[in-house]
């Protein structure tokens, strides 16, 4: 999932990690959901910190990751742990995606969680 760019700095070629986009994170999450559905799992739980470490080790990209996690929630999915900050941007964000029904007709999650 990582994208690497070679930069020429001070006469040396240096690899620079490109940050993933929200669309790329969304694609990764949707693939995880589909894999769980194919394995006939009822749900999967995804934690922001673990997802970032898996996809972009050592890269800080919390806002983009959080937006993708929240954007892929469907009706019936649950936010299990929400960051205490107003922006809900934090590595503790953990959600449960129910994967038994991934129909495109399922409505998107629209309610703000109450904590």
N, C-alpha and C. Protein backbone atom coordinates (compact mmCIF):
# COMPACT_ATOMS: atom_id res chain seq x y z
N UNK A 1 0.81 -1.20 0.00
CA UNK A 1 0.00 0.00 0.00
C UNK A 1 0.85 1.27 0.00
N UNK A 2 2.10 1.12 0.29
CA UNK A 2 2.95 2.30 0.43
C UNK A 2 3.45 2.77 -0.93
N UNK A 3 3.53 4.04 -1.05
CA UNK A 3 4.03 4.65 -2.27
C UNK A 3 5.33 5.35 -1.94
N UNK A 4 6.36 5.07 -2.68
CA UNK A 4 7.68 5.61 -2.39
C UNK A 4 8.12 6.51 -3.53
N UNK A 5 8.66 7.63 -3.18
CA UNK A 5 9.17 8.59 -4.16
C UNK A 5 10.66 8.73 -3.91
N UNK A 6 11.44 8.66 -4.96
CA UNK A 6 12.89 8.84 -4.83
C UNK A 6 13.20 10.32 -5.06
N UNK A 7 13.84 10.92 -4.08
CA UNK A 7 14.20 12.33 -4.19
C UNK A 7 15.72 12.45 -4.21
N UNK A 8 16.21 13.41 -4.91
CA UNK A 8 17.64 13.67 -4.98
C UNK A 8 17.94 14.85 -4.06
N UNK A 9 18.54 14.53 -2.91
CA UNK A 9 18.82 15.57 -1.91
C UNK A 9 20.31 15.54 -1.60
N UNK A 10 20.96 16.68 -1.73
CA UNK A 10 22.37 16.82 -1.42
C UNK A 10 23.22 15.74 -2.09
N UNK A 11 22.94 15.47 -3.34
CA UNK A 11 23.73 14.52 -4.09
C UNK A 11 23.42 13.06 -3.81
N UNK A 12 22.39 12.80 -3.00
CA UNK A 12 22.03 11.42 -2.68
C UNK A 12 20.57 11.17 -3.04
N UNK A 13 20.30 9.95 -3.48
CA UNK A 13 18.92 9.55 -3.71
C UNK A 13 18.33 9.10 -2.38
N UNK A 14 17.19 9.69 -2.01
CA UNK A 14 16.55 9.40 -0.74
C UNK A 14 15.11 8.98 -1.01
N UNK A 15 14.68 7.90 -0.37
CA UNK A 15 13.29 7.48 -0.50
C UNK A 15 12.44 8.31 0.44
N UNK A 16 11.32 8.81 -0.08
CA UNK A 16 10.39 9.57 0.75
C UNK A 16 9.03 8.91 0.64
N UNK A 17 8.43 8.59 1.77
CA UNK A 17 7.14 7.95 1.80
C UNK A 17 6.07 8.98 1.44
N UNK A 18 5.27 8.66 0.44
CA UNK A 18 4.13 9.51 0.09
C UNK A 18 2.97 9.11 0.99
N UNK A 19 2.26 10.07 1.51
CA UNK A 19 1.11 9.77 2.36
C UNK A 19 -0.03 9.25 1.51
N UNK A 20 -0.77 8.29 2.09
CA UNK A 20 -1.93 7.77 1.40
C UNK A 20 -3.05 8.81 1.41
N UNK A 21 -3.91 8.74 0.42
CA UNK A 21 -5.05 9.64 0.33
C UNK A 21 -6.25 9.01 1.04
N UNK A 22 -7.28 9.79 1.25
CA UNK A 22 -8.51 9.26 1.85
C UNK A 22 -9.10 8.17 0.96
N UNK A 23 -9.04 8.36 -0.34
CA UNK A 23 -9.58 7.37 -1.27
C UNK A 23 -8.81 6.05 -1.16
N UNK A 24 -7.49 6.13 -0.97
CA UNK A 24 -6.70 4.91 -0.83
C UNK A 24 -7.03 4.19 0.48
N UNK A 25 -7.17 4.95 1.56
CA UNK A 25 -7.57 4.34 2.83
C UNK A 25 -8.96 3.72 2.71
N UNK A 26 -9.87 4.42 2.05
CA UNK A 26 -11.22 3.90 1.86
C UNK A 26 -11.18 2.58 1.10
N UNK A 27 -10.37 2.51 0.08
CA UNK A 27 -10.23 1.29 -0.70
C UNK A 27 -9.68 0.15 0.15
N UNK A 28 -8.70 0.44 0.98
CA UNK A 28 -8.11 -0.57 1.86
C UNK A 28 -9.15 -1.09 2.84
N UNK A 29 -9.90 -0.17 3.45
CA UNK A 29 -10.94 -0.56 4.42
C UNK A 29 -12.02 -1.40 3.74
N UNK A 30 -12.47 -0.95 2.57
CA UNK A 30 -13.50 -1.70 1.86
C UNK A 30 -13.02 -3.10 1.47
N UNK A 31 -11.74 -3.22 1.13
CA UNK A 31 -11.19 -4.55 0.81
C UNK A 31 -11.17 -5.43 2.05
N UNK A 32 -10.81 -4.85 3.20
CA UNK A 32 -10.82 -5.61 4.45
C UNK A 32 -12.24 -6.08 4.78
N UNK A 33 -13.22 -5.21 4.56
CA UNK A 33 -14.62 -5.56 4.81
C UNK A 33 -15.05 -6.69 3.87
N UNK A 34 -14.67 -6.60 2.61
CA UNK A 34 -15.04 -7.62 1.64
C UNK A 34 -14.38 -8.96 1.98
N UNK A 35 -13.12 -8.92 2.37
CA UNK A 35 -12.42 -10.14 2.76
C UNK A 35 -13.11 -10.80 3.96
N UNK A 36 -13.53 -10.00 4.93
CA UNK A 36 -14.22 -10.53 6.10
C UNK A 36 -15.58 -11.12 5.69
N UNK A 37 -16.27 -10.45 4.80
CA UNK A 37 -17.56 -10.95 4.29
C UNK A 37 -17.36 -12.29 3.60
N UNK A 38 -16.33 -12.38 2.75
CA UNK A 38 -16.06 -13.63 2.03
C UNK A 38 -15.70 -14.77 2.98
N UNK A 39 -15.10 -14.43 4.11
CA UNK A 39 -14.75 -15.43 5.12
C UNK A 39 -15.94 -15.73 6.05
N UNK A 40 -17.08 -15.09 5.78
CA UNK A 40 -18.32 -15.25 6.54
C UNK A 40 -18.20 -14.81 7.99
N UNK A 41 -17.39 -13.77 8.21
CA UNK A 41 -17.30 -13.17 9.54
C UNK A 41 -18.47 -12.21 9.70
N UNK A 42 -18.97 -12.10 10.91
CA UNK A 42 -20.07 -11.19 11.19
C UNK A 42 -19.60 -9.73 11.17
N UNK A 43 -18.41 -9.49 11.69
CA UNK A 43 -17.89 -8.11 11.74
C UNK A 43 -16.37 -8.13 11.80
N UNK A 44 -15.79 -6.94 11.56
CA UNK A 44 -14.37 -6.72 11.80
C UNK A 44 -14.25 -5.42 12.59
N UNK A 45 -13.20 -5.32 13.38
CA UNK A 45 -12.93 -4.10 14.12
C UNK A 45 -11.63 -3.51 13.59
N UNK A 46 -11.67 -2.21 13.34
CA UNK A 46 -10.49 -1.52 12.84
C UNK A 46 -10.16 -0.36 13.76
N UNK A 47 -8.89 -0.31 14.15
CA UNK A 47 -8.37 0.76 15.00
C UNK A 47 -7.48 1.65 14.13
N UNK A 48 -7.62 2.95 14.28
CA UNK A 48 -6.89 3.90 13.43
C UNK A 48 -5.37 3.72 13.53
N UNK A 49 -4.86 3.59 14.74
CA UNK A 49 -3.41 3.45 14.91
C UNK A 49 -2.88 2.19 14.23
N UNK A 50 -3.58 1.07 14.44
CA UNK A 50 -3.15 -0.19 13.83
C UNK A 50 -3.23 -0.13 12.30
N UNK A 51 -4.28 0.50 11.78
CA UNK A 51 -4.42 0.62 10.33
C UNK A 51 -3.29 1.48 9.75
N UNK A 52 -2.97 2.59 10.41
CA UNK A 52 -1.88 3.44 9.92
C UNK A 52 -0.54 2.71 9.99
N UNK A 53 -0.30 1.96 11.06
CA UNK A 53 0.96 1.22 11.19
C UNK A 53 1.08 0.14 10.11
N UNK A 54 -0.05 -0.47 9.76
CA UNK A 54 -0.05 -1.49 8.72
C UNK A 54 0.19 -0.88 7.34
N UNK A 55 -0.44 0.25 7.08
CA UNK A 55 -0.40 0.85 5.75
C UNK A 55 0.75 1.83 5.55
N UNK A 56 1.08 2.57 6.59
CA UNK A 56 2.10 3.62 6.49
C UNK A 56 2.96 3.64 7.75
N UNK A 57 3.79 2.65 7.97
CA UNK A 57 4.61 2.64 9.19
C UNK A 57 5.46 3.90 9.31
N UNK A 58 5.37 4.53 10.46
CA UNK A 58 6.19 5.71 10.72
C UNK A 58 5.68 7.00 10.11
N UNK A 59 4.53 6.96 9.46
CA UNK A 59 3.98 8.17 8.83
C UNK A 59 2.78 8.64 9.64
N UNK A 60 2.71 9.94 9.91
CA UNK A 60 1.58 10.52 10.63
C UNK A 60 0.55 11.01 9.62
N UNK A 61 -0.58 10.34 9.57
CA UNK A 61 -1.62 10.67 8.60
C UNK A 61 -2.99 10.45 9.24
N UNK A 62 -3.13 10.89 10.50
CA UNK A 62 -4.32 10.60 11.29
C UNK A 62 -5.61 11.19 10.72
N UNK A 63 -5.56 12.41 10.26
CA UNK A 63 -6.79 13.06 9.78
C UNK A 63 -7.36 12.32 8.58
N UNK A 64 -6.50 11.98 7.63
CA UNK A 64 -6.95 11.27 6.44
C UNK A 64 -7.47 9.88 6.81
N UNK A 65 -6.77 9.19 7.67
CA UNK A 65 -7.17 7.86 8.11
C UNK A 65 -8.53 7.93 8.81
N UNK A 66 -8.68 8.88 9.71
CA UNK A 66 -9.95 9.05 10.46
C UNK A 66 -11.11 9.32 9.52
N UNK A 67 -10.90 10.21 8.55
CA UNK A 67 -11.97 10.53 7.61
C UNK A 67 -12.41 9.29 6.83
N UNK A 68 -11.45 8.48 6.41
CA UNK A 68 -11.78 7.26 5.66
C UNK A 68 -12.53 6.27 6.54
N UNK A 69 -12.07 6.11 7.78
CA UNK A 69 -12.74 5.18 8.70
C UNK A 69 -14.18 5.60 8.92
N UNK A 70 -14.41 6.87 9.19
CA UNK A 70 -15.77 7.35 9.45
C UNK A 70 -16.62 7.35 8.19
N UNK A 71 -16.01 7.64 7.05
CA UNK A 71 -16.75 7.69 5.79
C UNK A 71 -17.22 6.32 5.33
N UNK A 72 -16.55 5.27 5.75
CA UNK A 72 -16.93 3.92 5.32
C UNK A 72 -17.91 3.25 6.27
N UNK A 73 -18.32 3.96 7.32
CA UNK A 73 -19.33 3.41 8.23
C UNK A 73 -20.68 3.34 7.53
N UNK A 74 -21.35 2.22 7.70
CA UNK A 74 -22.70 2.06 7.17
C UNK A 74 -23.67 1.93 8.33
N UNK A 75 -24.94 2.09 8.04
CA UNK A 75 -25.98 1.97 9.04
C UNK A 75 -25.82 0.63 9.77
N UNK A 76 -25.80 0.67 11.10
CA UNK A 76 -25.63 -0.53 11.90
C UNK A 76 -24.21 -0.72 12.39
N UNK A 77 -23.22 -0.13 11.71
CA UNK A 77 -21.84 -0.20 12.18
C UNK A 77 -21.72 0.63 13.47
N UNK A 78 -20.69 0.39 14.23
CA UNK A 78 -20.55 1.06 15.53
C UNK A 78 -19.17 1.67 15.73
N UNK A 79 -19.15 2.82 16.36
CA UNK A 79 -17.90 3.41 16.84
C UNK A 79 -17.73 2.88 18.26
N UNK A 80 -16.67 2.11 18.47
CA UNK A 80 -16.44 1.50 19.78
C UNK A 80 -15.66 2.40 20.71
N UNK A 81 -14.62 3.05 20.18
CA UNK A 81 -13.80 3.97 20.96
C UNK A 81 -13.62 5.23 20.14
N UNK A 82 -13.97 6.34 20.73
CA UNK A 82 -13.86 7.62 20.04
C UNK A 82 -12.86 8.50 20.78
N UNK A 83 -11.98 9.18 20.03
CA UNK A 83 -11.05 10.11 20.69
C UNK A 83 -11.82 11.17 21.46
N UNK A 84 -11.23 11.67 22.52
CA UNK A 84 -11.90 12.67 23.34
C UNK A 84 -11.93 14.05 22.70
N UNK A 85 -11.08 14.26 21.70
CA UNK A 85 -11.04 15.58 21.06
C UNK A 85 -12.29 15.79 20.22
N UNK A 86 -12.66 17.05 20.00
CA UNK A 86 -13.84 17.38 19.20
C UNK A 86 -13.72 16.88 17.77
N UNK A 87 -12.53 16.89 17.24
CA UNK A 87 -12.34 16.48 15.84
C UNK A 87 -12.41 14.97 15.67
N UNK A 88 -12.44 14.24 16.79
CA UNK A 88 -12.43 12.78 16.79
C UNK A 88 -11.21 12.24 16.05
N UNK A 89 -10.15 13.07 16.01
CA UNK A 89 -8.93 12.67 15.32
C UNK A 89 -7.97 12.13 16.36
N UNK A 90 -7.76 10.84 16.32
CA UNK A 90 -6.83 10.24 17.25
C UNK A 90 -6.64 8.78 16.95
N UNK A 91 -5.54 8.27 17.40
CA UNK A 91 -5.17 6.89 17.10
C UNK A 91 -6.07 5.88 17.81
N UNK A 92 -6.80 6.31 18.84
CA UNK A 92 -7.65 5.36 19.57
C UNK A 92 -8.96 5.07 18.85
N UNK A 93 -9.30 5.82 17.81
CA UNK A 93 -10.55 5.59 17.10
C UNK A 93 -10.64 4.12 16.67
N UNK A 94 -11.69 3.46 17.14
CA UNK A 94 -11.90 2.05 16.83
C UNK A 94 -13.36 1.87 16.43
N UNK A 95 -13.57 1.21 15.31
CA UNK A 95 -14.93 0.99 14.83
C UNK A 95 -15.17 -0.49 14.57
N UNK A 96 -16.44 -0.87 14.61
CA UNK A 96 -16.84 -2.23 14.24
C UNK A 96 -17.69 -2.12 12.98
N UNK A 97 -17.21 -2.74 11.92
CA UNK A 97 -17.95 -2.81 10.67
C UNK A 97 -18.62 -4.18 10.60
N UNK A 98 -19.94 -4.20 10.45
CA UNK A 98 -20.64 -5.46 10.27
C UNK A 98 -20.53 -5.84 8.80
N UNK A 99 -20.07 -7.06 8.56
CA UNK A 99 -19.75 -7.47 7.19
C UNK A 99 -20.70 -8.53 6.63
N UNK A 100 -21.75 -8.85 7.38
CA UNK A 100 -22.68 -9.85 6.89
C UNK A 100 -23.53 -9.32 5.73
N UNK A 101 -23.70 -7.99 5.66
CA UNK A 101 -24.48 -7.38 4.59
C UNK A 101 -23.74 -6.16 4.07
N UNK A 102 -23.06 -6.30 2.94
CA UNK A 102 -22.31 -5.19 2.37
C UNK A 102 -23.04 -4.61 1.16
N UNK A 103 -24.35 -4.78 1.12
CA UNK A 103 -25.14 -4.28 0.01
C UNK A 103 -24.95 -2.78 -0.17
N UNK A 104 -24.80 -2.32 -1.43
CA UNK A 104 -24.68 -0.88 -1.67
C UNK A 104 -25.95 -0.12 -1.30
N UNK A 105 -27.02 -0.86 -1.04
CA UNK A 105 -28.29 -0.22 -0.65
C UNK A 105 -28.33 0.13 0.83
N UNK A 106 -27.37 -0.39 1.60
CA UNK A 106 -27.30 -0.01 3.02
C UNK A 106 -26.98 1.47 3.12
N UNK A 107 -27.70 2.15 3.97
CA UNK A 107 -27.49 3.59 4.14
C UNK A 107 -26.17 3.85 4.86
N UNK A 108 -25.59 5.02 4.56
CA UNK A 108 -24.38 5.43 5.27
C UNK A 108 -24.74 5.79 6.70
N UNK A 109 -23.77 5.63 7.57
CA UNK A 109 -23.90 6.01 8.98
C UNK A 109 -23.99 7.53 9.05
N UNK A 110 -25.03 8.04 9.69
CA UNK A 110 -25.19 9.50 9.71
C UNK A 110 -25.23 10.11 11.10
N UNK A 111 -25.43 9.33 12.13
CA UNK A 111 -25.57 9.87 13.48
C UNK A 111 -24.23 10.11 14.12
N UNK A 112 -24.14 11.15 14.90
CA UNK A 112 -22.96 11.39 15.70
C UNK A 112 -23.05 10.52 16.94
N UNK A 113 -22.02 9.81 17.28
CA UNK A 113 -22.08 8.95 18.46
C UNK A 113 -22.17 9.78 19.73
N UNK A 114 -22.84 9.21 20.71
CA UNK A 114 -22.94 9.87 22.02
C UNK A 114 -21.99 9.16 22.98
N UNK A 115 -21.04 9.89 23.52
CA UNK A 115 -20.08 9.32 24.47
C UNK A 115 -20.11 10.12 25.74
